[in-house]
């Protein structure tokens, strides 16, 4: 995935790198959602609710 060189995208890259050091990787779909948040297309709370809905066990 290629991202524009902005401050927000550099911060995303740092998080991804830190997680990779621990052998934990994000899917490309999830990274696309995080980029949407950085662009203001979606809120953190919207993504949070989507993840809860997808993975919640009831």
Protein backbone atom coordinates (compact mmCIF):
# COMPACT_ATOMS: atom_id res chain seq x y z
CA UNK A 1 0.00 0.00 0.00
CA UNK A 2 1.40 3.38 -0.97
CA UNK A 3 0.40 6.39 1.09
CA UNK A 4 0.86 10.08 0.46
CA UNK A 5 3.66 11.51 2.61
CA UNK A 6 1.63 13.44 5.20
CA UNK A 7 2.06 13.73 8.96
CA UNK A 8 -1.01 11.56 9.64
CA UNK A 9 0.14 8.87 7.22
CA UNK A 10 3.62 8.84 8.76
CA UNK A 11 1.97 8.22 12.13
CA UNK A 12 -0.02 5.33 10.65
CA UNK A 13 3.20 3.88 9.21
CA UNK A 14 4.86 4.10 12.64
CA UNK A 15 2.00 2.16 14.24
CA UNK A 16 2.09 -0.49 11.51
CA UNK A 17 5.87 -0.84 11.92
CA UNK A 18 5.59 -1.12 15.70
CA UNK A 19 2.95 -3.84 15.39
CA UNK A 20 5.08 -5.70 12.81
CA UNK A 21 8.00 -5.77 15.25
CA UNK A 22 5.72 -7.74 17.57
CA UNK A 23 4.65 -10.06 14.70
CA UNK A 24 1.18 -8.53 14.61
CA UNK A 25 -0.09 -7.37 11.23
CA UNK A 26 -3.13 -5.40 10.06
CA UNK A 27 -5.11 -6.50 7.03
CA UNK A 28 -5.09 -4.18 4.04
CA UNK A 29 -8.84 -3.66 4.47
CA UNK A 30 -8.33 -2.47 8.05
CA UNK A 31 -5.50 -0.16 6.97
CA UNK A 32 -7.78 1.35 4.33
CA UNK A 33 -10.33 2.05 7.06
CA UNK A 34 -7.67 3.74 9.21
CA UNK A 35 -6.68 5.93 6.25
CA UNK A 36 -10.34 6.91 5.86
CA UNK A 37 -10.28 8.09 9.47
CA UNK A 38 -7.14 10.15 8.86
CA UNK A 39 -8.82 11.78 5.84
CA UNK A 40 -11.95 12.57 7.84
CA UNK A 41 -14.16 10.26 5.76
CA UNK A 42 -15.04 8.17 8.81
CA UNK A 43 -14.81 8.58 12.55
CA UNK A 44 -12.92 6.38 14.96
CA UNK A 45 -16.21 5.52 16.68
CA UNK A 46 -17.77 4.34 13.40
CA UNK A 47 -14.84 1.99 12.76
CA UNK A 48 -14.90 0.82 16.37
CA UNK A 49 -18.59 -0.07 16.12
CA UNK A 50 -18.03 -1.91 12.82
CA UNK A 51 -15.27 -4.01 14.38
CA UNK A 52 -17.38 -4.78 17.44
CA UNK A 53 -20.31 -5.75 15.24
CA UNK A 54 -18.10 -8.00 13.10
CA UNK A 55 -16.28 -9.80 15.92
CA UNK A 56 -18.65 -9.65 18.90
CA UNK A 57 -19.80 -12.94 20.37
CA UNK A 58 -23.31 -12.92 21.72
